[in-house]
């Protein structure tokens, strides 16, 4: 008969197995949240994401890892949506340009030029559409954490331009992921050049493009205004965005972390909206001090812009914006304006 293993060795073996088991469990419970975005590093959007990350990490626990990739380092917005879908990223802060790759109806909040007269109208329509929109995102495997915006699109150009026809001799930056928009622009006599955000400034400097539709904040942060020294002062369209995470990443979080992330996401969205709107005028003033010329259309020129927008709507409906969502936006706006006596 063989001698039994001494008790002290059995205890050591058991302790070792327990330690290894705990180590494996800890490794299995490590949760990563990698967020991609095209916003500049250290911008107000980046700062809000970092604050959100701290709240989430505190709730998730010691093994939570949070990383933000800024400046389009993970690609343009369409690429960010793809990376989240396949799990290379767990989330992204994107404008409608990227969000429409997930849910096309979101385009109604951004791709209707000169439709919204002020931020109150944008907020009203978004809140009316938000529950159904978030449900559709969830059905496609994405959780919406917070809604933000980045200001109004203005046209920054190398030469002064005040009326729509002035821009027909110029070359426009256009999102590479929006072929419908490019087709519409070409049909109206404009020249779109499909690029990604990271290509804007070098393309301006080399003459590949002459015009950049951009928010003042982005034009200031990216130094676009140093080459495109003229800005047309019209609120062409709002840049609307949202922070989303994949449902797979969401389901891997603890309930406490989910709650903390949702609360932090709502807070970040509010902060982004408030600060971005405040900084529109501040950004324009800062650029004017450094040489930007602001061009304001007169009544006749403004009429030409509104006529252009009216021409665009039938082309946008059903192509850039699903027809049903397009109609819903107009119904919400009509009701809101009637209630406001406008």
C-alpha atoms as a PDB file:
ATOM      1  CA  UNK A   1       0.000   0.000   0.000  1.00  0.00           C
ATOM      2  CA  UNK A   2       1.380   3.449  -1.006  1.00  0.00           C
ATOM      3  CA  UNK A   3       1.876   6.134   1.556  1.00  0.00           C
ATOM      4  CA  UNK A   4      -0.794   8.868   1.461  1.00  0.00           C
ATOM      5  CA  UNK A   5       0.303  12.389   0.443  1.00  0.00           C
ATOM      6  CA  UNK A   6       1.256  14.303   3.577  1.00  0.00           C
ATOM      7  CA  UNK A   7      -1.388  16.766   4.762  1.00  0.00           C
ATOM      8  CA  UNK A   8       0.926  19.783   4.422  1.00  0.00           C
ATOM      9  CA  UNK A   9       1.446  19.081   0.706  1.00  0.00           C
ATOM     10  CA  UNK A  10      -2.230  18.599   0.136  1.00  0.00           C
ATOM     11  CA  UNK A  11      -2.941  21.955   1.784  1.00  0.00           C
ATOM     12  CA  UNK A  12      -0.319  23.678  -0.331  1.00  0.00           C
ATOM     13  CA  UNK A  13      -1.702  22.124  -3.511  1.00  0.00           C
ATOM     14  CA  UNK A  14      -5.221  23.186  -2.595  1.00  0.00           C
ATOM     15  CA  UNK A  15      -4.104  26.715  -1.832  1.00  0.00           C
ATOM     16  CA  UNK A  16      -2.238  26.926  -5.135  1.00  0.00           C
ATOM     17  CA  UNK A  17      -5.287  25.697  -7.050  1.00  0.00           C
ATOM     18  CA  UNK A  18      -7.471  28.249  -5.318  1.00  0.00           C
ATOM     19  CA  UNK A  19      -5.072  31.103  -6.133  1.00  0.00           C
ATOM     20  CA  UNK A  20      -4.834  30.034  -9.770  1.00  0.00           C
ATOM     21  CA  UNK A  21      -8.603  29.729  -9.949  1.00  0.00           C
ATOM     22  CA  UNK A  22      -9.109  33.200  -8.533  1.00  0.00           C
ATOM     23  CA  UNK A  23      -6.557  34.568 -10.993  1.00  0.00           C
ATOM     24  CA  UNK A  24      -8.406  33.011 -13.915  1.00  0.00           C
ATOM     25  CA  UNK A  25     -11.708  34.339 -12.627  1.00  0.00           C
ATOM     26  CA  UNK A  26     -10.304  37.851 -12.272  1.00  0.00           C
ATOM     27  CA  UNK A  27      -8.916  37.681 -15.786  1.00  0.00           C
ATOM     28  CA  UNK A  28     -12.281  36.495 -17.115  1.00  0.00           C
ATOM     29  CA  UNK A  29     -14.062  39.360 -15.409  1.00  0.00           C
ATOM     30  CA  UNK A  30     -11.847  42.049 -16.959  1.00  0.00           C
ATOM     31  CA  UNK A  31     -14.109  44.355 -18.958  1.00  0.00           C
ATOM     32  CA  UNK A  32     -12.731  46.694 -21.605  1.00  0.00           C
ATOM     33  CA  UNK A  33     -14.495  49.763 -22.922  1.00  0.00           C
ATOM     34  CA  UNK A  34     -12.639  51.199 -25.912  1.00  0.00           C
ATOM     35  CA  UNK A  35     -14.311  54.261 -27.422  1.00  0.00           C
ATOM     36  CA  UNK A  36     -13.439  55.675 -30.830  1.00  0.00           C
ATOM     37  CA  UNK A  37     -14.177  59.178 -32.112  1.00  0.00           C
ATOM     38  CA  UNK A  38     -12.967  61.758 -34.632  1.00  0.00           C
ATOM     39  CA  UNK A  39     -13.081  64.629 -32.117  1.00  0.00           C
ATOM     40  CA  UNK A  40      -9.766  66.286 -31.215  1.00  0.00           C
ATOM     41  CA  UNK A  41      -7.803  65.166 -28.196  1.00  0.00           C
ATOM     42  CA  UNK A  42      -8.352  67.410 -25.146  1.00  0.00           C
ATOM     43  CA  UNK A  43     -11.479  68.928 -26.725  1.00  0.00           C
ATOM     44  CA  UNK A  44     -14.594  69.380 -24.606  1.00  0.00           C
ATOM     45  CA  UNK A  45     -15.956  66.128 -26.099  1.00  0.00           C
ATOM     46  CA  UNK A  46     -12.829  64.195 -25.137  1.00  0.00           C
ATOM     47  CA  UNK A  47     -12.978  65.626 -21.630  1.00  0.00           C
ATOM     48  CA  UNK A  48     -16.592  64.530 -21.227  1.00  0.00           C
ATOM     49  CA  UNK A  49     -15.720  61.017 -22.383  1.00  0.00           C
ATOM     50  CA  UNK A  50     -12.896  60.783 -19.869  1.00  0.00           C
ATOM     51  CA  UNK A  51     -15.209  61.860 -17.041  1.00  0.00           C
ATOM     52  CA  UNK A  52     -17.730  59.264 -18.165  1.00  0.00           C
ATOM     53  CA  UNK A  53     -14.990  56.645 -18.157  1.00  0.00           C
ATOM     54  CA  UNK A  54     -14.046  57.395 -14.567  1.00  0.00           C
ATOM     55  CA  UNK A  55     -17.646  56.953 -13.433  1.00  0.00           C
ATOM     56  CA  UNK A  56     -17.914  53.668 -15.280  1.00  0.00           C
ATOM     57  CA  UNK A  57     -14.603  52.293 -13.982  1.00  0.00           C
ATOM     58  CA  UNK A  58     -15.507  53.135 -10.381  1.00  0.00           C
ATOM     59  CA  UNK A  59     -18.747  51.181 -10.723  1.00  0.00           C
ATOM     60  CA  UNK A  60     -17.378  48.257 -12.731  1.00  0.00           C
ATOM     61  CA  UNK A  61     -14.438  47.587 -10.422  1.00  0.00           C
ATOM     62  CA  UNK A  62     -10.673  47.164 -10.429  1.00  0.00           C
ATOM     63  CA  UNK A  63     -10.526  45.128 -13.638  1.00  0.00           C
ATOM     64  CA  UNK A  64     -12.316  47.713 -15.773  1.00  0.00           C
ATOM     65  CA  UNK A  65     -10.198  49.258 -18.538  1.00  0.00           C
ATOM     66  CA  UNK A  66     -11.317  52.429 -20.322  1.00  0.00           C
ATOM     67  CA  UNK A  67      -9.604  53.906 -23.398  1.00  0.00           C
ATOM     68  CA  UNK A  68     -10.572  56.721 -25.774  1.00  0.00           C
ATOM     69  CA  UNK A  69      -9.129  56.929 -29.293  1.00  0.00           C
ATOM     70  CA  UNK A  70      -9.423  60.520 -30.584  1.00  0.00           C
ATOM     71  CA  UNK A  71      -8.619  62.417 -33.793  1.00  0.00           C
ATOM     72  CA  UNK A  72      -9.936  59.703 -36.083  1.00  0.00           C
ATOM     73  CA  UNK A  73      -7.023  57.429 -35.201  1.00  0.00           C
ATOM     74  CA  UNK A  74      -9.354  54.428 -35.655  1.00  0.00           C
ATOM     75  CA  UNK A  75     -10.686  55.715 -38.980  1.00  0.00           C
ATOM     76  CA  UNK A  76     -13.592  57.871 -40.124  1.00  0.00           C
ATOM     77  CA  UNK A  77     -17.058  57.590 -38.654  1.00  0.00           C
ATOM     78  CA  UNK A  78     -18.277  54.872 -40.997  1.00  0.00           C
ATOM     79  CA  UNK A  79     -15.197  52.851 -40.060  1.00  0.00           C
ATOM     80  CA  UNK A  80     -15.845  53.471 -36.350  1.00  0.00           C
ATOM     81  CA  UNK A  81     -19.343  52.035 -36.699  1.00  0.00           C
ATOM     82  CA  UNK A  82     -17.885  48.972 -38.420  1.00  0.00           C
ATOM     83  CA  UNK A  83     -15.231  48.488 -35.728  1.00  0.00           C
ATOM     84  CA  UNK A  84     -17.833  48.570 -32.968  1.00  0.00           C
ATOM     85  CA  UNK A  85     -19.989  46.116 -34.880  1.00  0.00           C
ATOM     86  CA  UNK A  86     -17.161  43.557 -35.160  1.00  0.00           C
ATOM     87  CA  UNK A  87     -15.884  44.103 -31.610  1.00  0.00           C
ATOM     88  CA  UNK A  88     -12.594  45.916 -32.259  1.00  0.00           C
ATOM     89  CA  UNK A  89     -14.117  48.828 -30.341  1.00  0.00           C
ATOM     90  CA  UNK A  90     -16.859  48.646 -27.754  1.00  0.00           C
ATOM     91  CA  UNK A  91     -18.324  52.070 -28.459  1.00  0.00           C
ATOM     92  CA  UNK A  92     -18.038  55.321 -30.378  1.00  0.00           C
ATOM     93  CA  UNK A  93     -18.964  58.978 -30.127  1.00  0.00           C
ATOM     94  CA  UNK A  94     -20.199  59.852 -33.610  1.00  0.00           C
ATOM     95  CA  UNK A  95     -22.255  62.347 -35.540  1.00  0.00           C
ATOM     96  CA  UNK A  96     -25.066  61.328 -37.855  1.00  0.00           C
ATOM     97  CA  UNK A  97     -22.430  60.513 -40.487  1.00  0.00           C
ATOM     98  CA  UNK A  98     -21.431  57.408 -38.521  1.00  0.00           C
ATOM     99  CA  UNK A  99     -24.714  56.749 -36.742  1.00  0.00           C
ATOM    100  CA  UNK A 100     -26.628  56.393 -40.014  1.00  0.00           C
ATOM    101  CA  UNK A 101     -24.419  53.398 -40.803  1.00  0.00           C
ATOM    102  CA  UNK A 102     -26.216  51.725 -37.882  1.00  0.00           C
ATOM    103  CA  UNK A 103     -29.698  53.224 -38.170  1.00  0.00           C
ATOM    104  CA  UNK A 104     -30.477  55.260 -41.337  1.00  0.00           C
ATOM    105  CA  UNK A 105     -33.437  57.159 -39.859  1.00  0.00           C
ATOM    106  CA  UNK A 106     -31.079  59.176 -37.634  1.00  0.00           C
ATOM    107  CA  UNK A 107     -30.124  61.189 -40.744  1.00  0.00           C
ATOM    108  CA  UNK A 108     -33.348  63.174 -40.322  1.00  0.00           C
ATOM    109  CA  UNK A 109     -31.787  65.126 -37.456  1.00  0.00           C
ATOM    110  CA  UNK A 110     -28.815  66.412 -39.471  1.00  0.00           C
ATOM    111  CA  UNK A 111     -29.316  66.104 -43.217  1.00  0.00           C
ATOM    112  CA  UNK A 112     -32.150  68.598 -43.728  1.00  0.00           C
ATOM    113  CA  UNK A 113     -30.514  71.955 -44.592  1.00  0.00           C
ATOM    114  CA  UNK A 114     -31.992  75.189 -43.234  1.00  0.00           C
ATOM    115  CA  UNK A 115     -34.944  73.303 -41.749  1.00  0.00           C
ATOM    116  CA  UNK A 116     -34.288  73.964 -38.065  1.00  0.00           C
ATOM    117  CA  UNK A 117     -34.377  77.631 -37.090  1.00  0.00           C
ATOM    118  CA  UNK A 118     -32.896  77.255 -33.612  1.00  0.00           C
ATOM    119  CA  UNK A 119     -31.741  74.746 -31.003  1.00  0.00           C
ATOM    120  CA  UNK A 120     -35.149  74.629 -29.341  1.00  0.00           C
ATOM    121  CA  UNK A 121     -36.560  73.107 -32.529  1.00  0.00           C
ATOM    122  CA  UNK A 122     -33.717  70.592 -32.747  1.00  0.00           C
ATOM    123  CA  UNK A 123     -34.203  69.575 -29.112  1.00  0.00           C
ATOM    124  CA  UNK A 124     -37.964  69.239 -29.498  1.00  0.00           C
ATOM    125  CA  UNK A 125     -37.779  66.999 -32.554  1.00  0.00           C
ATOM    126  CA  UNK A 126     -34.999  64.851 -31.097  1.00  0.00           C
ATOM    127  CA  UNK A 127     -36.887  64.263 -27.846  1.00  0.00           C
ATOM    128  CA  UNK A 128     -40.047  63.370 -29.755  1.00  0.00           C
ATOM    129  CA  UNK A 129     -38.166  60.835 -31.861  1.00  0.00           C
ATOM    130  CA  UNK A 130     -35.707  59.638 -29.239  1.00  0.00           C
ATOM    131  CA  UNK A 131     -37.590  56.653 -27.714  1.00  0.00           C
ATOM    132  CA  UNK A 132     -38.337  55.011 -31.069  1.00  0.00           C
ATOM    133  CA  UNK A 133     -34.859  55.848 -32.361  1.00  0.00           C
ATOM    134  CA  UNK A 134     -33.127  54.281 -29.348  1.00  0.00           C
ATOM    135  CA  UNK A 135     -35.304  51.197 -29.703  1.00  0.00           C
ATOM    136  CA  UNK A 136     -34.212  50.790 -33.325  1.00  0.00           C
ATOM    137  CA  UNK A 137     -30.560  51.156 -32.322  1.00  0.00           C
ATOM    138  CA  UNK A 138     -31.027  48.472 -29.670  1.00  0.00           C
ATOM    139  CA  UNK A 139     -32.620  46.138 -32.204  1.00  0.00           C
ATOM    140  CA  UNK A 140     -29.471  46.564 -34.300  1.00  0.00           C
ATOM    141  CA  UNK A 141     -27.220  45.710 -31.355  1.00  0.00           C
ATOM    142  CA  UNK A 142     -26.311  49.170 -30.033  1.00  0.00           C
ATOM    143  CA  UNK A 143     -27.153  50.957 -26.773  1.00  0.00           C
ATOM    144  CA  UNK A 144     -27.459  54.758 -26.953  1.00  0.00           C
ATOM    145  CA  UNK A 145     -25.932  56.329 -23.851  1.00  0.00           C
ATOM    146  CA  UNK A 146     -26.326  60.033 -24.543  1.00  0.00           C
ATOM    147  CA  UNK A 147     -27.173  62.553 -27.247  1.00  0.00           C
ATOM    148  CA  UNK A 148     -24.991  65.543 -28.065  1.00  0.00           C
ATOM    149  CA  UNK A 149     -24.425  68.081 -30.788  1.00  0.00           C
ATOM    150  CA  UNK A 150     -21.528  70.165 -32.032  1.00  0.00           C
ATOM    151  CA  UNK A 151     -22.981  73.397 -33.361  1.00  0.00           C
ATOM    152  CA  UNK A 152     -24.279  74.608 -36.709  1.00  0.00           C
ATOM    153  CA  UNK A 153     -22.569  73.830 -39.981  1.00  0.00           C
ATOM    154  CA  UNK A 154     -21.133  76.931 -41.659  1.00  0.00           C
ATOM    155  CA  UNK A 155     -19.228  77.063 -44.955  1.00  0.00           C
ATOM    156  CA  UNK A 156     -15.499  77.852 -44.594  1.00  0.00           C
ATOM    157  CA  UNK A 157     -13.892  78.733 -47.935  1.00  0.00           C
ATOM    158  CA  UNK A 158     -10.639  80.075 -49.317  1.00  0.00           C
ATOM    159  CA  UNK A 159     -12.470  82.824 -51.203  1.00  0.00           C
ATOM    160  CA  UNK A 160     -15.414  85.011 -50.259  1.00  0.00           C
ATOM    161  CA  UNK A 161     -18.763  83.484 -51.234  1.00  0.00           C
ATOM    162  CA  UNK A 162     -22.247  84.753 -50.427  1.00  0.00           C
ATOM    163  CA  UNK A 163     -24.720  83.024 -52.725  1.00  0.00           C
ATOM    164  CA  UNK A 164     -25.183  79.406 -53.765  1.00  0.00           C
ATOM    165  CA  UNK A 165     -23.804  79.978 -57.251  1.00  0.00           C
ATOM    166  CA  UNK A 166     -20.563  81.383 -55.798  1.00  0.00           C
ATOM    167  CA  UNK A 167     -19.737  77.909 -54.500  1.00  0.00           C
ATOM    168  CA  UNK A 168     -20.167  76.176 -57.846  1.00  0.00           C
ATOM    169  CA  UNK A 169     -16.644  77.128 -58.875  1.00  0.00           C
ATOM    170  CA  UNK A 170     -15.217  75.548 -55.712  1.00  0.00           C
ATOM    171  CA  UNK A 171     -14.460  72.011 -54.529  1.00  0.00           C
ATOM    172  CA  UNK A 172     -16.280  70.821 -51.404  1.00  0.00           C
ATOM    173  CA  UNK A 173     -15.152  68.479 -48.684  1.00  0.00           C
ATOM    174  CA  UNK A 174     -17.704  65.648 -48.552  1.00  0.00           C
ATOM    175  CA  UNK A 175     -17.909  62.603 -46.300  1.00  0.00           C
ATOM    176  CA  UNK A 176     -16.627  59.568 -48.123  1.00  0.00           C
ATOM    177  CA  UNK A 177     -19.426  57.467 -46.650  1.00  0.00           C
ATOM    178  CA  UNK A 178     -22.239  59.607 -48.088  1.00  0.00           C
ATOM    179  CA  UNK A 179     -22.490  58.839 -51.834  1.00  0.00           C
ATOM    180  CA  UNK A 180     -26.125  60.007 -51.907  1.00  0.00           C
ATOM    181  CA  UNK A 181     -25.098  63.496 -50.819  1.00  0.00           C
ATOM    182  CA  UNK A 182     -22.338  63.573 -53.412  1.00  0.00           C
ATOM    183  CA  UNK A 183     -24.770  62.583 -56.155  1.00  0.00           C
ATOM    184  CA  UNK A 184     -27.204  65.341 -55.151  1.00  0.00           C
ATOM    185  CA  UNK A 185     -24.432  67.941 -55.067  1.00  0.00           C
ATOM    186  CA  UNK A 186     -23.191  66.945 -58.519  1.00  0.00           C
ATOM    187  CA  UNK A 187     -26.699  67.092 -59.965  1.00  0.00           C
ATOM    188  CA  UNK A 188     -26.968  70.708 -58.784  1.00  0.00           C
ATOM    189  CA  UNK A 189     -23.626  71.748 -60.273  1.00  0.00           C
ATOM    190  CA  UNK A 190     -21.362  71.454 -57.216  1.00  0.00           C
ATOM    191  CA  UNK A 191     -18.091  69.520 -56.928  1.00  0.00           C
ATOM    192  CA  UNK A 192     -17.820  67.231 -53.891  1.00  0.00           C
ATOM    193  CA  UNK A 193     -14.484  65.606 -53.034  1.00  0.00           C
ATOM    194  CA  UNK A 194     -14.972  62.552 -50.767  1.00  0.00           C
ATOM    195  CA  UNK A 195     -12.483  62.527 -47.885  1.00  0.00           C
ATOM    196  CA  UNK A 196     -12.170  61.623 -44.208  1.00  0.00           C
ATOM    197  CA  UNK A 197     -11.858  64.128 -41.365  1.00  0.00           C
ATOM    198  CA  UNK A 198      -8.104  63.643 -40.979  1.00  0.00           C
ATOM    199  CA  UNK A 199      -7.615  64.667 -44.630  1.00  0.00           C
ATOM    200  CA  UNK A 200      -9.413  68.021 -44.409  1.00  0.00           C
ATOM    201  CA  UNK A 201      -6.551  70.371 -43.499  1.00  0.00           C
ATOM    202  CA  UNK A 202      -3.877  68.899 -45.800  1.00  0.00           C
ATOM    203  CA  UNK A 203      -6.411  68.804 -48.652  1.00  0.00           C
ATOM    204  CA  UNK A 204      -7.191  72.481 -48.101  1.00  0.00           C
ATOM    205  CA  UNK A 205      -3.512  73.357 -48.037  1.00  0.00           C
ATOM    206  CA  UNK A 206      -2.773  71.512 -51.277  1.00  0.00           C
ATOM    207  CA  UNK A 207      -5.824  72.865 -53.091  1.00  0.00           C
ATOM    208  CA  UNK A 208      -7.631  69.533 -53.385  1.00  0.00           C
ATOM    209  CA  UNK A 209     -10.630  71.268 -51.784  1.00  0.00           C
ATOM    210  CA  UNK A 210     -11.618  74.924 -51.356  1.00  0.00           C
ATOM    211  CA  UNK A 211     -14.649  74.650 -49.069  1.00  0.00           C
ATOM    212  CA  UNK A 212     -15.255  72.829 -45.795  1.00  0.00           C
ATOM    213  CA  UNK A 213     -18.750  72.608 -44.292  1.00  0.00           C
ATOM    214  CA  UNK A 214     -17.828  72.673 -40.602  1.00  0.00           C
ATOM    215  CA  UNK A 215     -18.910  73.830 -37.192  1.00  0.00           C
ATOM    216  CA  UNK A 216     -16.961  76.849 -35.916  1.00  0.00           C
ATOM    217  CA  UNK A 217     -15.610  74.822 -33.000  1.00  0.00           C
ATOM    218  CA  UNK A 218     -14.121  72.183 -35.288  1.00  0.00           C
ATOM    219  CA  UNK A 219     -12.769  74.831 -37.684  1.00  0.00           C
ATOM    220  CA  UNK A 220     -10.962  76.465 -34.778  1.00  0.00           C
ATOM    221  CA  UNK A 221      -9.695  73.262 -33.168  1.00  0.00           C
ATOM    222  CA  UNK A 222      -8.478  71.779 -36.467  1.00  0.00           C
ATOM    223  CA  UNK A 223      -7.039  75.085 -37.761  1.00  0.00           C
ATOM    224  CA  UNK A 224      -9.207  74.896 -40.890  1.00  0.00           C
ATOM    225  CA  UNK A 225      -9.831  78.637 -40.682  1.00  0.00           C
ATOM    226  CA  UNK A 226      -6.128  79.441 -41.190  1.00  0.00           C
ATOM    227  CA  UNK A 227      -6.429  78.276 -44.808  1.00  0.00           C
ATOM    228  CA  UNK A 228     -10.164  78.680 -45.434  1.00  0.00           C
ATOM    229  CA  UNK A 229     -10.259  82.269 -44.191  1.00  0.00           C
ATOM    230  CA  UNK A 230     -13.887  83.081 -45.116  1.00  0.00           C
ATOM    231  CA  UNK A 231     -17.002  81.868 -43.283  1.00  0.00           C
ATOM    232  CA  UNK A 232     -20.549  82.150 -44.593  1.00  0.00           C
ATOM    233  CA  UNK A 233     -22.755  83.052 -41.640  1.00  0.00           C
ATOM    234  CA  UNK A 234     -25.748  80.781 -42.160  1.00  0.00           C
ATOM    235  CA  UNK A 235     -26.887  77.899 -39.970  1.00  0.00           C
ATOM    236  CA  UNK A 236     -26.949  75.307 -42.740  1.00  0.00           C
ATOM    237  CA  UNK A 237     -27.674  72.297 -40.496  1.00  0.00           C
ATOM    238  CA  UNK A 238     -26.984  71.117 -36.944  1.00  0.00           C
ATOM    239  CA  UNK A 239     -24.333  68.498 -36.279  1.00  0.00           C
ATOM    240  CA  UNK A 240     -26.122  65.960 -34.091  1.00  0.00           C
ATOM    241  CA  UNK A 241     -24.396  63.010 -32.474  1.00  0.00           C
ATOM    242  CA  UNK A 242     -24.612  60.297 -29.871  1.00  0.00           C
ATOM    243  CA  UNK A 243     -22.436  58.015 -27.785  1.00  0.00           C
ATOM    244  CA  UNK A 244     -23.212  54.351 -28.423  1.00  0.00           C
ATOM    245  CA  UNK A 245     -21.835  51.053 -27.151  1.00  0.00           C
ATOM    246  CA  UNK A 246     -22.422  47.580 -28.500  1.00  0.00           C
ATOM    247  CA  UNK A 247     -25.049  45.525 -26.722  1.00  0.00           C
ATOM    248  CA  UNK A 248     -22.444  42.778 -26.332  1.00  0.00           C
ATOM    249  CA  UNK A 249     -20.210  45.146 -24.357  1.00  0.00           C
ATOM    250  CA  UNK A 250     -23.201  46.402 -22.392  1.00  0.00           C
ATOM    251  CA  UNK A 251     -24.251  42.881 -21.411  1.00  0.00           C
ATOM    252  CA  UNK A 252     -20.701  42.141 -20.164  1.00  0.00           C
ATOM    253  CA  UNK A 253     -20.944  44.937 -17.582  1.00  0.00           C
ATOM    254  CA  UNK A 254     -22.244  44.599 -14.054  1.00  0.00           C
ATOM    255  CA  UNK A 255     -25.707  46.096 -13.378  1.00  0.00           C
ATOM    256  CA  UNK A 256     -24.057  48.814 -11.284  1.00  0.00           C
ATOM    257  CA  UNK A 257     -21.711  49.696 -14.138  1.00  0.00           C
ATOM    258  CA  UNK A 258     -24.594  49.792 -16.618  1.00  0.00           C
ATOM    259  CA  UNK A 259     -26.500  52.205 -14.423  1.00  0.00           C
ATOM    260  CA  UNK A 260     -23.425  54.375 -13.844  1.00  0.00           C
ATOM    261  CA  UNK A 261     -22.662  54.447 -17.562  1.00  0.00           C
ATOM    262  CA  UNK A 262     -26.218  55.408 -18.523  1.00  0.00           C
ATOM    263  CA  UNK A 263     -26.295  58.215 -15.952  1.00  0.00           C
ATOM    264  CA  UNK A 264     -22.851  59.433 -17.017  1.00  0.00           C
ATOM    265  CA  UNK A 265     -23.868  59.222 -20.679  1.00  0.00           C
ATOM    266  CA  UNK A 266     -26.937  61.402 -20.156  1.00  0.00           C
ATOM    267  CA  UNK A 267     -24.853  63.893 -18.187  1.00  0.00           C
ATOM    268  CA  UNK A 268     -22.115  63.952 -20.843  1.00  0.00           C
ATOM    269  CA  UNK A 269     -24.712  64.547 -23.564  1.00  0.00           C
ATOM    270  CA  UNK A 270     -26.163  67.521 -21.693  1.00  0.00           C
ATOM    271  CA  UNK A 271     -22.708  68.968 -21.100  1.00  0.00           C
ATOM    272  CA  UNK A 272     -21.681  68.508 -24.716  1.00  0.00           C
ATOM    273  CA  UNK A 273     -24.811  70.229 -25.969  1.00  0.00           C
ATOM    274  CA  UNK A 274     -24.562  73.139 -23.550  1.00  0.00           C
ATOM    275  CA  UNK A 275     -20.850  73.775 -24.024  1.00  0.00           C
ATOM    276  CA  UNK A 276     -20.847  73.260 -27.791  1.00  0.00           C
ATOM    277  CA  UNK A 277     -23.628  75.806 -28.244  1.00  0.00           C
ATOM    278  CA  UNK A 278     -21.896  78.299 -25.993  1.00  0.00           C
ATOM    279  CA  UNK A 279     -18.616  77.899 -27.826  1.00  0.00           C
ATOM    280  CA  UNK A 280     -20.019  78.528 -31.319  1.00  0.00           C
ATOM    281  CA  UNK A 281     -19.981  82.307 -30.893  1.00  0.00           C
ATOM    282  CA  UNK A 282     -16.775  82.173 -28.865  1.00  0.00           C
ATOM    283  CA  UNK A 283     -15.028  80.177 -31.594  1.00  0.00           C
ATOM    284  CA  UNK A 284     -16.143  82.615 -34.300  1.00  0.00           C
ATOM    285  CA  UNK A 285     -14.927  85.581 -32.252  1.00  0.00           C
ATOM    286  CA  UNK A 286     -11.576  83.879 -31.623  1.00  0.00           C
ATOM    287  CA  UNK A 287     -11.108  83.137 -35.343  1.00  0.00           C
ATOM    288  CA  UNK A 288     -12.059  86.694 -36.325  1.00  0.00           C
ATOM    289  CA  UNK A 289      -9.313  88.031 -34.089  1.00  0.00           C
ATOM    290  CA  UNK A 290      -6.893  85.807 -36.009  1.00  0.00           C
ATOM    291  CA  UNK A 291      -7.968  86.847 -39.488  1.00  0.00           C
ATOM    292  CA  UNK A 292     -11.237  85.060 -40.306  1.00  0.00           C
ATOM    293  CA  UNK A 293     -13.658  87.077 -42.455  1.00  0.00           C
ATOM    294  CA  UNK A 294     -17.345  86.519 -41.687  1.00  0.00           C
ATOM    295  CA  UNK A 295     -19.628  87.009 -44.695  1.00  0.00           C
ATOM    296  CA  UNK A 296     -23.329  87.618 -43.984  1.00  0.00           C
ATOM    297  CA  UNK A 297     -25.814  87.226 -46.848  1.00  0.00           C
ATOM    298  CA  UNK A 298     -28.304  90.011 -47.522  1.00  0.00           C
ATOM    299  CA  UNK A 299     -32.040  89.429 -47.925  1.00  0.00           C
ATOM    300  CA  UNK A 300     -31.805  88.553 -51.624  1.00  0.00           C
ATOM    301  CA  UNK A 301     -28.892  86.167 -51.096  1.00  0.00           C
ATOM    302  CA  UNK A 302     -30.690  84.546 -48.159  1.00  0.00           C
ATOM    303  CA  UNK A 303     -33.723  83.966 -50.391  1.00  0.00           C
ATOM    304  CA  UNK A 304     -31.478  82.106 -52.840  1.00  0.00           C
ATOM    305  CA  UNK A 305     -30.275  79.824 -50.041  1.00  0.00           C
ATOM    306  CA  UNK A 306     -33.801  79.029 -48.885  1.00  0.00           C
ATOM    307  CA  UNK A 307     -34.809  78.283 -52.475  1.00  0.00           C
ATOM    308  CA  UNK A 308     -31.859  75.876 -52.725  1.00  0.00           C
ATOM    309  CA  UNK A 309     -32.965  74.113 -49.537  1.00  0.00           C
ATOM    310  CA  UNK A 310     -36.502  73.759 -50.903  1.00  0.00           C
ATOM    311  CA  UNK A 311     -35.051  72.142 -54.038  1.00  0.00           C
ATOM    312  CA  UNK A 312     -33.012  69.744 -51.941  1.00  0.00           C
ATOM    313  CA  UNK A 313     -35.813  68.363 -49.777  1.00  0.00           C
ATOM    314  CA  UNK A 314     -37.501  66.214 -52.469  1.00  0.00           C
ATOM    315  CA  UNK A 315     -34.090  64.804 -53.426  1.00  0.00           C
ATOM    316  CA  UNK A 316     -33.171  64.052 -49.802  1.00  0.00           C
ATOM    317  CA  UNK A 317     -36.499  62.382 -48.978  1.00  0.00           C
ATOM    318  CA  UNK A 318     -36.145  58.667 -49.593  1.00  0.00           C
ATOM    319  CA  UNK A 319     -32.428  58.819 -50.428  1.00  0.00           C
ATOM    320  CA  UNK A 320     -30.432  60.478 -47.644  1.00  0.00           C
ATOM    321  CA  UNK A 321     -33.354  60.331 -45.194  1.00  0.00           C
ATOM    322  CA  UNK A 322     -35.970  57.551 -45.131  1.00  0.00           C
ATOM    323  CA  UNK A 323     -39.283  58.970 -46.383  1.00  0.00           C
ATOM    324  CA  UNK A 324     -41.237  57.997 -43.254  1.00  0.00           C
ATOM    325  CA  UNK A 325     -38.745  59.693 -40.933  1.00  0.00           C
ATOM    326  CA  UNK A 326     -38.512  62.744 -43.205  1.00  0.00           C
ATOM    327  CA  UNK A 327     -42.286  63.201 -42.954  1.00  0.00           C
ATOM    328  CA  UNK A 328     -42.242  62.659 -39.196  1.00  0.00           C
ATOM    329  CA  UNK A 329     -39.730  65.469 -38.683  1.00  0.00           C
ATOM    330  CA  UNK A 330     -41.852  67.909 -40.665  1.00  0.00           C
ATOM    331  CA  UNK A 331     -44.968  66.928 -38.693  1.00  0.00           C
ATOM    332  CA  UNK A 332     -43.201  67.469 -35.342  1.00  0.00           C
ATOM    333  CA  UNK A 333     -41.874  70.833 -36.492  1.00  0.00           C
ATOM    334  CA  UNK A 334     -45.239  71.969 -37.793  1.00  0.00           C
ATOM    335  CA  UNK A 335     -46.922  71.093 -34.493  1.00  0.00           C
ATOM    336  CA  UNK A 336     -44.170  72.764 -32.442  1.00  0.00           C
ATOM    337  CA  UNK A 337     -44.269  75.974 -34.457  1.00  0.00           C
ATOM    338  CA  UNK A 338     -48.055  76.088 -34.253  1.00  0.00           C
ATOM    339  CA  UNK A 339     -47.855  75.729 -30.460  1.00  0.00           C
ATOM    340  CA  UNK A 340     -45.286  78.518 -30.371  1.00  0.00           C
ATOM    341  CA  UNK A 341     -47.470  80.735 -32.571  1.00  0.00           C
ATOM    342  CA  UNK A 342     -44.907  80.756 -35.385  1.00  0.00           C
END
